[in-house]
């Protein structure tokens, strides 16, 4: 059983990882899209990463099925268009993340922890 301080350290590490991933994604998107689009994309991704933390899902191995579960839990007061945008934004983010992981694997030969890219 983990101690409270170990649990807190784990939560802190997970939050730092999610923040690092989001910052890297924002850097990638900010030069390619209008500021409102970047905000929209990053809002969806931020909520997805927060959901991953609460569901104890490692975002580095999150799947499209996880994205679908996340979208299924969104507030039904959101418009269908907004929910569709969330689904699209999270799926694009997951493809970007998989690409980053593949590049990291090639560059390091798999010798480094991939989370090191983001913290």
PDB file of N, CA and C in Angstrom:
ATOM      1  N   UNK A   1       0.844  -1.179   0.000  1.00  0.00           N
ATOM      2  CA  UNK A   1       0.000   0.000   0.000  1.00  0.00           C
ATOM      3  C   UNK A   1       0.890   1.244   0.000  1.00  0.00           C
ATOM      4  N   UNK A   2       0.530   2.228  -0.808  1.00  0.00           N
ATOM      5  CA  UNK A   2       1.366   3.414  -0.891  1.00  0.00           C
ATOM      6  C   UNK A   2       1.075   4.361   0.260  1.00  0.00           C
ATOM      7  N   UNK A   3       2.096   5.093   0.624  1.00  0.00           N
ATOM      8  CA  UNK A   3       1.955   6.067   1.698  1.00  0.00           C
ATOM      9  C   UNK A   3       1.343   7.334   1.129  1.00  0.00           C
ATOM     10  N   UNK A   4       0.752   8.176   1.998  1.00  0.00           N
ATOM     11  CA  UNK A   4       0.177   9.430   1.495  1.00  0.00           C
ATOM     12  C   UNK A   4       1.199  10.283   0.755  1.00  0.00           C
ATOM     13  N   UNK A   5       2.439  10.331   1.256  1.00  0.00           N
ATOM     14  CA  UNK A   5       3.447  11.155   0.580  1.00  0.00           C
ATOM     15  C   UNK A   5       3.823  10.559  -0.774  1.00  0.00           C
ATOM     16  N   UNK A   6       3.839   9.220  -0.882  1.00  0.00           N
ATOM     17  CA  UNK A   6       4.127   8.586  -2.172  1.00  0.00           C
ATOM     18  C   UNK A   6       2.989   8.848  -3.151  1.00  0.00           C
ATOM     19  N   UNK A   7       1.763   8.792  -2.647  1.00  0.00           N
ATOM     20  CA  UNK A   7       0.606   9.069  -3.498  1.00  0.00           C
ATOM     21  C   UNK A   7       0.635  10.511  -3.979  1.00  0.00           C
ATOM     22  N   UNK A   8       0.956  11.433  -3.069  1.00  0.00           N
ATOM     23  CA  UNK A   8       1.049  12.844  -3.431  1.00  0.00           C
ATOM     24  C   UNK A   8       2.153  13.055  -4.457  1.00  0.00           C
ATOM     25  N   UNK A   9       3.302  12.417  -4.250  1.00  0.00           N
ATOM     26  CA  UNK A   9       4.406  12.546  -5.201  1.00  0.00           C
ATOM     27  C   UNK A   9       3.995  12.004  -6.564  1.00  0.00           C
ATOM     28  N   UNK A  10       3.270  10.894  -6.558  1.00  0.00           N
ATOM     29  CA  UNK A  10       2.806  10.304  -7.812  1.00  0.00           C
ATOM     30  C   UNK A  10       1.822  11.241  -8.514  1.00  0.00           C
ATOM     31  N   UNK A  11       0.907  11.819  -7.754  1.00  0.00           N
ATOM     32  CA  UNK A  11      -0.056  12.769  -8.343  1.00  0.00           C
ATOM     33  C   UNK A  11       0.652  13.995  -8.895  1.00  0.00           C
ATOM     34  N   UNK A  12       1.642  14.475  -8.141  1.00  0.00           N
ATOM     35  CA  UNK A  12       2.403  15.642  -8.584  1.00  0.00           C
ATOM     36  C   UNK A  12       3.155  15.320  -9.870  1.00  0.00           C
ATOM     37  N   UNK A  13       3.784  14.153  -9.918  1.00  0.00           N
ATOM     38  CA  UNK A  13       4.515  13.746 -11.122  1.00  0.00           C
ATOM     39  C   UNK A  13       3.564  13.621 -12.305  1.00  0.00           C
ATOM     40  N   UNK A  14       2.389  13.066 -12.070  1.00  0.00           N
ATOM     41  CA  UNK A  14       1.400  12.906 -13.142  1.00  0.00           C
ATOM     42  C   UNK A  14       0.915  14.270 -13.630  1.00  0.00           C
ATOM     43  N   UNK A  15       0.696  15.196 -12.703  1.00  0.00           N
ATOM     44  CA  UNK A  15       0.267  16.548 -13.085  1.00  0.00           C
ATOM     45  C   UNK A  15       1.364  17.233 -13.899  1.00  0.00           C
ATOM     46  N   UNK A  16       2.621  17.094 -13.461  1.00  0.00           N
ATOM     47  CA  UNK A  16       3.734  17.704 -14.191  1.00  0.00           C
ATOM     48  C   UNK A  16       3.858  17.114 -15.593  1.00  0.00           C
ATOM     49  N   UNK A  17       3.667  15.799 -15.702  1.00  0.00           N
ATOM     50  CA  UNK A  17       3.717  15.153 -17.010  1.00  0.00           C
ATOM     51  C   UNK A  17       2.618  15.714 -17.912  1.00  0.00           C
ATOM     52  N   UNK A  18       1.407  15.785 -17.400  1.00  0.00           N
ATOM     53  CA  UNK A  18       0.283  16.305 -18.192  1.00  0.00           C
ATOM     54  C   UNK A  18       0.515  17.758 -18.587  1.00  0.00           C
ATOM     55  N   UNK A  19       1.035  18.564 -17.666  1.00  0.00           N
ATOM     56  CA  UNK A  19       1.338  19.963 -17.985  1.00  0.00           C
ATOM     57  C   UNK A  19       2.400  20.049 -19.080  1.00  0.00           C
ATOM     58  N   UNK A  20       3.430  19.206 -18.975  1.00  0.00           N
ATOM     59  CA  UNK A  20       4.492  19.197 -19.982  1.00  0.00           C
ATOM     60  C   UNK A  20       3.982  18.779 -21.351  1.00  0.00           C
ATOM     61  N   UNK A  21       3.128  17.763 -21.371  1.00  0.00           N
ATOM     62  CA  UNK A  21       2.543  17.308 -22.634  1.00  0.00           C
ATOM     63  C   UNK A  21       1.706  18.429 -23.245  1.00  0.00           C
ATOM     64  N   UNK A  22       0.870  19.066 -22.429  1.00  0.00           N
ATOM     65  CA  UNK A  22       0.015  20.143 -22.929  1.00  0.00           C
ATOM     66  C   UNK A  22       0.857  21.303 -23.457  1.00  0.00           C
ATOM     67  N   UNK A  23       1.908  21.685 -22.732  1.00  0.00           N
ATOM     68  CA  UNK A  23       2.770  22.778 -23.184  1.00  0.00           C
ATOM     69  C   UNK A  23       3.431  22.450 -24.520  1.00  0.00           C
ATOM     70  N   UNK A  24       3.914  21.214 -24.670  1.00  0.00           N
ATOM     71  CA  UNK A  24       4.538  20.812 -25.934  1.00  0.00           C
ATOM     72  C   UNK A  24       3.519  20.849 -27.072  1.00  0.00           C
ATOM     73  N   UNK A  25       2.317  20.396 -26.794  1.00  0.00           N
ATOM     74  CA  UNK A  25       1.267  20.400 -27.820  1.00  0.00           C
ATOM     75  C   UNK A  25       0.897  21.839 -28.188  1.00  0.00           C
ATOM     76  N   UNK A  26       0.807  22.711 -27.198  1.00  0.00           N
ATOM     77  CA  UNK A  26       0.489  24.117 -27.465  1.00  0.00           C
ATOM     78  C   UNK A  26       1.563  24.753 -28.340  1.00  0.00           C
ATOM     79  N   UNK A  27       2.828  24.455 -28.058  1.00  0.00           N
ATOM     80  CA  UNK A  27       3.918  24.995 -28.873  1.00  0.00           C
ATOM     81  C   UNK A  27       3.792  24.535 -30.318  1.00  0.00           C
ATOM     82  N   UNK A  28       3.421  23.279 -30.496  1.00  0.00           N
ATOM     83  CA  UNK A  28       3.281  22.720 -31.841  1.00  0.00           C
ATOM     84  C   UNK A  28       2.127  23.376 -32.589  1.00  0.00           C
ATOM     85  N   UNK A  29       1.019  23.589 -31.913  1.00  0.00           N
ATOM     86  CA  UNK A  29      -0.173  24.100 -32.596  1.00  0.00           C
ATOM     87  C   UNK A  29      -0.187  25.614 -32.729  1.00  0.00           C
ATOM     88  N   UNK A  30       0.486  26.325 -31.832  1.00  0.00           N
ATOM     89  CA  UNK A  30       0.330  27.781 -31.797  1.00  0.00           C
ATOM     90  C   UNK A  30       0.785  28.471 -33.071  1.00  0.00           C
ATOM     91  N   UNK A  31       1.760  27.960 -33.759  1.00  0.00           N
ATOM     92  CA  UNK A  31       2.205  28.602 -34.990  1.00  0.00           C
ATOM     93  C   UNK A  31       1.416  28.183 -36.216  1.00  0.00           C
ATOM     94  N   UNK A  32       0.563  27.187 -36.062  1.00  0.00           N
ATOM     95  CA  UNK A  32      -0.129  26.624 -37.212  1.00  0.00           C
ATOM     96  C   UNK A  32      -1.595  27.032 -37.301  1.00  0.00           C
ATOM     97  N   UNK A  33      -2.156  27.521 -36.212  1.00  0.00           N
ATOM     98  CA  UNK A  33      -3.588  27.820 -36.167  1.00  0.00           C
ATOM     99  C   UNK A  33      -3.813  29.201 -35.560  1.00  0.00           C
ATOM    100  N   UNK A  34      -4.981  29.738 -35.797  1.00  0.00           N
ATOM    101  CA  UNK A  34      -5.377  31.006 -35.176  1.00  0.00           C
ATOM    102  C   UNK A  34      -5.471  30.808 -33.667  1.00  0.00           C
ATOM    103  N   UNK A  35      -5.327  31.889 -32.921  1.00  0.00           N
ATOM    104  CA  UNK A  35      -5.292  31.785 -31.456  1.00  0.00           C
ATOM    105  C   UNK A  35      -6.569  31.170 -30.886  1.00  0.00           C
ATOM    106  N   UNK A  36      -7.719  31.483 -31.452  1.00  0.00           N
ATOM    107  CA  UNK A  36      -8.969  30.892 -30.963  1.00  0.00           C
ATOM    108  C   UNK A  36      -9.015  29.388 -31.188  1.00  0.00           C
ATOM    109  N   UNK A  37      -8.477  28.946 -32.308  1.00  0.00           N
ATOM    110  CA  UNK A  37      -8.428  27.513 -32.603  1.00  0.00           C
ATOM    111  C   UNK A  37      -7.489  26.811 -31.635  1.00  0.00           C
ATOM    112  N   UNK A  38      -6.343  27.421 -31.379  1.00  0.00           N
ATOM    113  CA  UNK A  38      -5.388  26.842 -30.420  1.00  0.00           C
ATOM    114  C   UNK A  38      -6.040  26.732 -29.051  1.00  0.00           C
ATOM    115  N   UNK A  39      -6.740  27.775 -28.641  1.00  0.00           N
ATOM    116  CA  UNK A  39      -7.431  27.748 -27.345  1.00  0.00           C
ATOM    117  C   UNK A  39      -8.443  26.611 -27.286  1.00  0.00           C
ATOM    118  N   UNK A  40      -9.206  26.467 -28.354  1.00  0.00           N
ATOM    119  CA  UNK A  40     -10.217  25.410 -28.413  1.00  0.00           C
ATOM    120  C   UNK A  40      -9.571  24.028 -28.341  1.00  0.00           C
ATOM    121  N   UNK A  41      -8.529  23.813 -29.124  1.00  0.00           N
ATOM    122  CA  UNK A  41      -7.824  22.529 -29.117  1.00  0.00           C
ATOM    123  C   UNK A  41      -7.251  22.240 -27.736  1.00  0.00           C
ATOM    124  N   UNK A  42      -6.602  23.237 -27.158  1.00  0.00           N
ATOM    125  CA  UNK A  42      -5.934  23.027 -25.872  1.00  0.00           C
ATOM    126  C   UNK A  42      -6.927  22.860 -24.727  1.00  0.00           C
ATOM    127  N   UNK A  43      -8.080  23.496 -24.813  1.00  0.00           N
ATOM    128  CA  UNK A  43      -9.110  23.290 -23.793  1.00  0.00           C
ATOM    129  C   UNK A  43      -9.564  21.837 -23.797  1.00  0.00           C
ATOM    130  N   UNK A  44      -9.815  21.301 -24.985  1.00  0.00           N
ATOM    131  CA  UNK A  44     -10.235  19.895 -25.087  1.00  0.00           C
ATOM    132  C   UNK A  44      -9.142  18.971 -24.566  1.00  0.00           C
ATOM    133  N   UNK A  45      -7.902  19.243 -24.951  1.00  0.00           N
ATOM    134  CA  UNK A  45      -6.786  18.385 -24.523  1.00  0.00           C
ATOM    135  C   UNK A  45      -6.567  18.499 -23.018  1.00  0.00           C
ATOM    136  N   UNK A  46      -6.638  19.712 -22.488  1.00  0.00           N
ATOM    137  CA  UNK A  46      -6.469  19.898 -21.036  1.00  0.00           C
ATOM    138  C   UNK A  46      -7.528  19.099 -20.269  1.00  0.00           C
ATOM    139  N   UNK A  47      -8.760  19.187 -20.716  1.00  0.00           N
ATOM    140  CA  UNK A  47      -9.831  18.426 -20.040  1.00  0.00           C
ATOM    141  C   UNK A  47      -9.610  16.928 -20.179  1.00  0.00           C
ATOM    142  N   UNK A  48      -9.142  16.489 -21.347  1.00  0.00           N
ATOM    143  CA  UNK A  48      -8.859  15.068 -21.545  1.00  0.00           C
ATOM    144  C   UNK A  48      -7.737  14.611 -20.615  1.00  0.00           C
ATOM    145  N   UNK A  49      -6.665  15.393 -20.516  1.00  0.00           N
ATOM    146  CA  UNK A  49      -5.546  15.017 -19.648  1.00  0.00           C
ATOM    147  C   UNK A  49      -5.971  14.990 -18.182  1.00  0.00           C
ATOM    148  N   UNK A  50      -6.808  15.928 -17.779  1.00  0.00           N
ATOM    149  CA  UNK A  50      -7.337  15.921 -16.409  1.00  0.00           C
ATOM    150  C   UNK A  50      -8.174  14.670 -16.186  1.00  0.00           C
ATOM    151  N   UNK A  51      -8.996  14.332 -17.159  1.00  0.00           N
ATOM    152  CA  UNK A  51      -9.808  13.118 -17.065  1.00  0.00           C
ATOM    153  C   UNK A  51      -8.912  11.887 -16.965  1.00  0.00           C
ATOM    154  N   UNK A  52      -7.841  11.849 -17.762  1.00  0.00           N
ATOM    155  CA  UNK A  52      -6.897  10.723 -17.691  1.00  0.00           C
ATOM    156  C   UNK A  52      -6.342  10.580 -16.278  1.00  0.00           C
ATOM    157  N   UNK A  53      -5.974  11.694 -15.659  1.00  0.00           N
ATOM    158  CA  UNK A  53      -5.444  11.630 -14.285  1.00  0.00           C
ATOM    159  C   UNK A  53      -6.479  11.066 -13.336  1.00  0.00           C
ATOM    160  N   UNK A  54      -7.720  11.531 -13.429  1.00  0.00           N
ATOM    161  CA  UNK A  54      -8.746  11.055 -12.490  1.00  0.00           C
ATOM    162  C   UNK A  54      -9.108   9.598 -12.742  1.00  0.00           C
ATOM    163  N   UNK A  55      -8.939   9.142 -13.979  1.00  0.00           N
ATOM    164  CA  UNK A  55      -9.240   7.747 -14.325  1.00  0.00           C
ATOM    165  C   UNK A  55      -8.007   6.845 -14.206  1.00  0.00           C
ATOM    166  N   UNK A  56      -6.882   7.432 -13.781  1.00  0.00           N
ATOM    167  CA  UNK A  56      -5.618   6.693 -13.629  1.00  0.00           C
ATOM    168  C   UNK A  56      -5.168   6.075 -14.953  1.00  0.00           C
ATOM    169  N   UNK A  57      -5.276   6.865 -16.016  1.00  0.00           N
ATOM    170  CA  UNK A  57      -4.830   6.447 -17.346  1.00  0.00           C
ATOM    171  C   UNK A  57      -3.554   7.211 -17.667  1.00  0.00           C
ATOM    172  N   UNK A  58      -2.507   6.490 -18.002  1.00  0.00           N
ATOM    173  CA  UNK A  58      -1.257   7.129 -18.410  1.00  0.00           C
ATOM    174  C   UNK A  58      -1.500   7.777 -19.774  1.00  0.00           C
ATOM    175  N   UNK A  59      -1.391   9.097 -19.871  1.00  0.00           N
ATOM    176  CA  UNK A  59      -1.689   9.749 -21.152  1.00  0.00           C
ATOM    177  C   UNK A  59      -0.753   9.308 -22.272  1.00  0.00           C
ATOM    178  N   UNK A  60       0.436   8.824 -21.914  1.00  0.00           N
ATOM    179  CA  UNK A  60       1.377   8.389 -22.940  1.00  0.00           C
ATOM    180  C   UNK A  60       0.917   7.117 -23.646  1.00  0.00           C
ATOM    181  N   UNK A  61      -0.002   6.402 -23.044  1.00  0.00           N
ATOM    182  CA  UNK A  61      -0.512   5.178 -23.674  1.00  0.00           C
ATOM    183  C   UNK A  61      -2.037   5.226 -23.843  1.00  0.00           C
ATOM    184  N   UNK A  62      -2.605   6.417 -23.750  1.00  0.00           N
ATOM    185  CA  UNK A  62      -4.054   6.564 -23.949  1.00  0.00           C
ATOM    186  C   UNK A  62      -4.411   6.147 -25.374  1.00  0.00           C
ATOM    187  N   UNK A  63      -5.582   5.583 -25.517  1.00  0.00           N
ATOM    188  CA  UNK A  63      -6.026   5.036 -26.802  1.00  0.00           C
ATOM    189  C   UNK A  63      -7.229   5.815 -27.346  1.00  0.00           C
ATOM    190  N   UNK A  64      -7.562   5.602 -28.617  1.00  0.00           N
ATOM    191  CA  UNK A  64      -8.792   6.199 -29.148  1.00  0.00           C
ATOM    192  C   UNK A  64     -10.026   5.769 -28.353  1.00  0.00           C
ATOM    193  N   UNK A  65     -10.003   4.562 -27.824  1.00  0.00           N
ATOM    194  CA  UNK A  65     -11.124   4.100 -26.996  1.00  0.00           C
ATOM    195  C   UNK A  65     -11.227   4.937 -25.718  1.00  0.00           C
ATOM    196  N   UNK A  66     -10.061   5.307 -25.150  1.00  0.00           N
ATOM    197  CA  UNK A  66     -10.071   6.200 -23.986  1.00  0.00           C
ATOM    198  C   UNK A  66     -10.673   7.546 -24.371  1.00  0.00           C
ATOM    199  N   UNK A  67     -10.319   8.037 -25.548  1.00  0.00           N
ATOM    200  CA  UNK A  67     -10.881   9.307 -26.027  1.00  0.00           C
ATOM    201  C   UNK A  67     -12.396   9.200 -26.157  1.00  0.00           C
ATOM    202  N   UNK A  68     -12.870   8.077 -26.675  1.00  0.00           N
ATOM    203  CA  UNK A  68     -14.319   7.882 -26.808  1.00  0.00           C
ATOM    204  C   UNK A  68     -14.996   7.834 -25.441  1.00  0.00           C
ATOM    205  N   UNK A  69     -14.366   7.177 -24.474  1.00  0.00           N
ATOM    206  CA  UNK A  69     -14.925   7.139 -23.114  1.00  0.00           C
ATOM    207  C   UNK A  69     -14.986   8.546 -22.530  1.00  0.00           C
ATOM    208  N   UNK A  70     -13.925   9.327 -22.743  1.00  0.00           N
ATOM    209  CA  UNK A  70     -13.893  10.709 -22.268  1.00  0.00           C
ATOM    210  C   UNK A  70     -15.039  11.510 -22.886  1.00  0.00           C
ATOM    211  N   UNK A  71     -15.180  11.418 -24.198  1.00  0.00           N
ATOM    212  CA  UNK A  71     -16.232  12.165 -24.890  1.00  0.00           C
ATOM    213  C   UNK A  71     -17.603  11.727 -24.390  1.00  0.00           C
ATOM    214  N   UNK A  72     -17.757  10.441 -24.114  1.00  0.00           N
ATOM    215  CA  UNK A  72     -19.023   9.936 -23.602  1.00  0.00           C
ATOM    216  C   UNK A  72     -19.374  10.476 -22.233  1.00  0.00           C
ATOM    217  N   UNK A  73     -18.373  10.965 -21.501  1.00  0.00           N
ATOM    218  CA  UNK A  73     -18.616  11.490 -20.158  1.00  0.00           C
ATOM    219  C   UNK A  73     -18.792  13.010 -20.150  1.00  0.00           C
ATOM    220  N   UNK A  74     -18.669  13.643 -21.316  1.00  0.00           N
ATOM    221  CA  UNK A  74     -18.817  15.097 -21.364  1.00  0.00           C
ATOM    222  C   UNK A  74     -20.227  15.502 -20.974  1.00  0.00           C
ATOM    223  N   UNK A  75     -20.326  16.700 -20.477  1.00  0.00           N
ATOM    224  CA  UNK A  75     -21.603  17.269 -20.046  1.00  0.00           C
ATOM    225  C   UNK A  75     -22.575  17.316 -21.220  1.00  0.00           C
ATOM    226  N   UNK A  76     -23.715  16.731 -21.053  1.00  0.00           N
ATOM    227  CA  UNK A  76     -24.714  16.687 -22.119  1.00  0.00           C
ATOM    228  C   UNK A  76     -25.343  18.052 -22.396  1.00  0.00           C
ATOM    229  N   UNK A  77     -25.023  19.048 -21.580  1.00  0.00           N
ATOM    230  CA  UNK A  77     -25.524  20.387 -21.880  1.00  0.00           C
ATOM    231  C   UNK A  77     -24.702  21.030 -23.001  1.00  0.00           C
ATOM    232  N   UNK A  78     -23.583  20.398 -23.365  1.00  0.00           N
ATOM    233  CA  UNK A  78     -22.775  20.900 -24.475  1.00  0.00           C
ATOM    234  C   UNK A  78     -23.509  20.596 -25.784  1.00  0.00           C
ATOM    235  N   UNK A  79     -23.296  21.440 -26.758  1.00  0.00           N
ATOM    236  CA  UNK A  79     -23.919  21.188 -28.062  1.00  0.00           C
ATOM    237  C   UNK A  79     -23.263  19.976 -28.720  1.00  0.00           C
ATOM    238  N   UNK A  80     -23.985  19.379 -29.643  1.00  0.00           N
ATOM    239  CA  UNK A  80     -23.438  18.228 -30.372  1.00  0.00           C
ATOM    240  C   UNK A  80     -22.184  18.632 -31.139  1.00  0.00           C
ATOM    241  N   UNK A  81     -22.172  19.853 -31.664  1.00  0.00           N
ATOM    242  CA  UNK A  81     -21.005  20.341 -32.392  1.00  0.00           C
ATOM    243  C   UNK A  81     -19.789  20.434 -31.468  1.00  0.00           C
ATOM    244  N   UNK A  82     -19.978  20.962 -30.269  1.00  0.00           N
ATOM    245  CA  UNK A  82     -18.874  21.076 -29.313  1.00  0.00           C
ATOM    246  C   UNK A  82     -18.340  19.700 -28.945  1.00  0.00           C
ATOM    247  N   UNK A  83     -19.228  18.768 -28.715  1.00  0.00           N
ATOM    248  CA  UNK A  83     -18.804  17.406 -28.375  1.00  0.00           C
ATOM    249  C   UNK A  83     -18.040  16.788 -29.541  1.00  0.00           C
ATOM    250  N   UNK A  84     -18.502  17.024 -30.757  1.00  0.00           N
ATOM    251  CA  UNK A  84     -17.793  16.520 -31.941  1.00  0.00           C
ATOM    252  C   UNK A  84     -16.406  17.147 -32.046  1.00  0.00           C
ATOM    253  N   UNK A  85     -16.316  18.457 -31.754  1.00  0.00           N
ATOM    254  CA  UNK A  85     -15.016  19.136 -31.781  1.00  0.00           C
ATOM    255  C   UNK A  85     -14.075  18.544 -30.735  1.00  0.00           C
ATOM    256  N   UNK A  86     -14.593  18.279 -29.550  1.00  0.00           N
ATOM    257  CA  UNK A  86     -13.775  17.656 -28.511  1.00  0.00           C
ATOM    258  C   UNK A  86     -13.235  16.315 -29.001  1.00  0.00           C
ATOM    259  N   UNK A  87     -14.113  15.488 -29.565  1.00  0.00           N
ATOM    260  CA  UNK A  87     -13.693  14.170 -30.056  1.00  0.00           C
ATOM    261  C   UNK A  87     -12.578  14.325 -31.093  1.00  0.00           C
ATOM    262  N   UNK A  88     -12.788  15.211 -32.038  1.00  0.00           N
ATOM    263  CA  UNK A  88     -11.796  15.431 -33.091  1.00  0.00           C
ATOM    264  C   UNK A  88     -10.485  15.955 -32.508  1.00  0.00           C
ATOM    265  N   UNK A  89     -10.573  16.959 -31.640  1.00  0.00           N
ATOM    266  CA  UNK A  89      -9.366  17.551 -31.062  1.00  0.00           C
ATOM    267  C   UNK A  89      -8.576  16.543 -30.235  1.00  0.00           C
ATOM    268  N   UNK A  90      -9.260  15.720 -29.474  1.00  0.00           N
ATOM    269  CA  UNK A  90      -8.560  14.737 -28.641  1.00  0.00           C
ATOM    270  C   UNK A  90      -7.943  13.651 -29.519  1.00  0.00           C
ATOM    271  N   UNK A  91      -8.640  13.223 -30.545  1.00  0.00           N
ATOM    272  CA  UNK A  91      -8.075  12.190 -31.429  1.00  0.00           C
ATOM    273  C   UNK A  91      -6.858  12.717 -32.193  1.00  0.00           C
ATOM    274  N   UNK A  92      -6.909  13.956 -32.651  1.00  0.00           N
ATOM    275  CA  UNK A  92      -5.745  14.558 -33.318  1.00  0.00           C
ATOM    276  C   UNK A  92      -4.589  14.653 -32.325  1.00  0.00           C
ATOM    277  N   UNK A  93      -4.885  15.057 -31.108  1.00  0.00           N
ATOM    278  CA  UNK A  93      -3.858  15.124 -30.070  1.00  0.00           C
ATOM    279  C   UNK A  93      -3.225  13.752 -29.843  1.00  0.00           C
ATOM    280  N   UNK A  94      -4.037  12.704 -29.758  1.00  0.00           N
ATOM    281  CA  UNK A  94      -3.490  11.362 -29.527  1.00  0.00           C
ATOM    282  C   UNK A  94      -2.591  10.926 -30.680  1.00  0.00           C
ATOM    283  N   UNK A  95      -2.948  11.276 -31.910  1.00  0.00           N
ATOM    284  CA  UNK A  95      -2.069  10.946 -33.049  1.00  0.00           C
ATOM    285  C   UNK A  95      -0.759  11.714 -32.944  1.00  0.00           C
ATOM    286  N   UNK A  96      -0.838  12.987 -32.568  1.00  0.00           N
ATOM    287  CA  UNK A  96       0.372  13.788 -32.373  1.00  0.00           C
ATOM    288  C   UNK A  96       1.246  13.148 -31.292  1.00  0.00           C
ATOM    289  N   UNK A  97       0.637  12.748 -30.189  1.00  0.00           N
ATOM    290  CA  UNK A  97       1.384  12.162 -29.079  1.00  0.00           C
ATOM    291  C   UNK A  97       2.043  10.848 -29.504  1.00  0.00           C
ATOM    292  N   UNK A  98       1.332  10.026 -30.259  1.00  0.00           N
ATOM    293  CA  UNK A  98       1.919   8.776 -30.753  1.00  0.00           C
ATOM    294  C   UNK A  98       3.112   9.056 -31.660  1.00  0.00           C
ATOM    295  N   UNK A  99       3.009  10.086 -32.481  1.00  0.00           N
ATOM    296  CA  UNK A  99       4.126  10.462 -33.345  1.00  0.00           C
ATOM    297  C   UNK A  99       5.321  10.905 -32.510  1.00  0.00           C
ATOM    298  N   UNK A 100       5.074  11.716 -31.483  1.00  0.00           N
ATOM    299  CA  UNK A 100       6.167  12.153 -30.606  1.00  0.00           C
ATOM    300  C   UNK A 100       6.847  10.957 -29.947  1.00  0.00           C
ATOM    301  N   UNK A 101       6.040   9.995 -29.519  1.00  0.00           N
ATOM    302  CA  UNK A 101       6.579   8.791 -28.876  1.00  0.00           C
ATOM    303  C   UNK A 101       7.417   7.986 -29.871  1.00  0.00           C
ATOM    304  N   UNK A 102       6.952   7.858 -31.115  1.00  0.00           N
ATOM    305  CA  UNK A 102       7.696   7.111 -32.130  1.00  0.00           C
ATOM    306  C   UNK A 102       9.023   7.793 -32.437  1.00  0.00           C
ATOM    307  N   UNK A 103       9.002   9.105 -32.574  1.00  0.00           N
ATOM    308  CA  UNK A 103      10.238   9.852 -32.823  1.00  0.00           C
ATOM    309  C   UNK A 103      11.203   9.646 -31.667  1.00  0.00           C
ATOM    310  N   UNK A 104      10.696   9.743 -30.457  1.00  0.00           N
ATOM    311  CA  UNK A 104      11.537   9.551 -29.270  1.00  0.00           C
ATOM    312  C   UNK A 104      12.153   8.151 -29.264  1.00  0.00           C
ATOM    313  N   UNK A 105      11.370   7.156 -29.586  1.00  0.00           N
ATOM    314  CA  UNK A 105      11.848   5.772 -29.616  1.00  0.00           C
ATOM    315  C   UNK A 105      12.967   5.612 -30.641  1.00  0.00           C
ATOM    316  N   UNK A 106      12.787   6.199 -31.809  1.00  0.00           N
ATOM    317  CA  UNK A 106      13.812   6.117 -32.854  1.00  0.00           C
ATOM    318  C   UNK A 106      15.081   6.836 -32.415  1.00  0.00           C
ATOM    319  N   UNK A 107      14.925   8.039 -31.865  1.00  0.00           N
ATOM    320  CA  UNK A 107      16.089   8.839 -31.483  1.00  0.00           C
ATOM    321  C   UNK A 107      16.869   8.241 -30.322  1.00  0.00           C
ATOM    322  N   UNK A 108      16.186   7.584 -29.400  1.00  0.00           N
ATOM    323  CA  UNK A 108      16.868   7.070 -28.204  1.00  0.00           C
ATOM    324  C   UNK A 108      17.083   5.568 -28.248  1.00  0.00           C
ATOM    325  N   UNK A 109      16.539   4.919 -29.242  1.00  0.00           N
ATOM    326  CA  UNK A 109      16.634   3.466 -29.290  1.00  0.00           C
ATOM    327  C   UNK A 109      15.855   2.804 -28.170  1.00  0.00           C
ATOM    328  N   UNK A 110      14.931   3.550 -27.581  1.00  0.00           N
ATOM    329  CA  UNK A 110      14.105   3.003 -26.501  1.00  0.00           C
ATOM    330  C   UNK A 110      14.805   2.960 -25.158  1.00  0.00           C
ATOM    331  N   UNK A 111      15.962   3.641 -25.056  1.00  0.00           N
ATOM    332  CA  UNK A 111      16.740   3.594 -23.816  1.00  0.00           C
ATOM    333  C   UNK A 111      16.318   4.618 -22.774  1.00  0.00           C
ATOM    334  N   UNK A 112      15.460   5.552 -23.136  1.00  0.00           N
ATOM    335  CA  UNK A 112      15.037   6.599 -22.197  1.00  0.00           C
ATOM    336  C   UNK A 112      13.548   6.501 -21.922  1.00  0.00           C
ATOM    337  N   UNK A 113      13.176   6.902 -20.728  1.00  0.00           N
ATOM    338  CA  UNK A 113      11.763   6.980 -20.369  1.00  0.00           C
ATOM    339  C   UNK A 113      11.116   8.063 -21.232  1.00  0.00           C
ATOM    340  N   UNK A 114      10.077   7.732 -21.985  1.00  0.00           N
ATOM    341  CA  UNK A 114       9.467   8.729 -22.868  1.00  0.00           C
ATOM    342  C   UNK A 114       8.871   9.926 -22.134  1.00  0.00           C
ATOM    343  N   UNK A 115       8.513   9.758 -20.873  1.00  0.00           N
ATOM    344  CA  UNK A 115       7.955  10.899 -20.141  1.00  0.00           C
ATOM    345  C   UNK A 115       8.995  12.002 -19.969  1.00  0.00           C
ATOM    346  N   UNK A 116      10.283  11.661 -20.109  1.00  0.00           N
ATOM    347  CA  UNK A 116      11.341  12.662 -19.970  1.00  0.00           C
ATOM    348  C   UNK A 116      11.239  13.751 -21.030  1.00  0.00           C
ATOM    349  N   UNK A 117      10.571  13.454 -22.143  1.00  0.00           N
ATOM    350  CA  UNK A 117      10.402  14.465 -23.194  1.00  0.00           C
ATOM    351  C   UNK A 117       9.570  15.643 -22.715  1.00  0.00           C
ATOM    352  N   UNK A 118       8.721  15.401 -21.742  1.00  0.00           N
ATOM    353  CA  UNK A 118       7.710  16.393 -21.385  1.00  0.00           C
ATOM    354  C   UNK A 118       7.881  17.007 -20.003  1.00  0.00           C
ATOM    355  N   UNK A 119       8.839  16.547 -19.231  1.00  0.00           N
ATOM    356  CA  UNK A 119       9.011  17.118 -17.880  1.00  0.00           C
ATOM    357  C   UNK A 119      10.358  17.767 -17.746  1.00  0.00           C
TER     358      UNK A 119
END
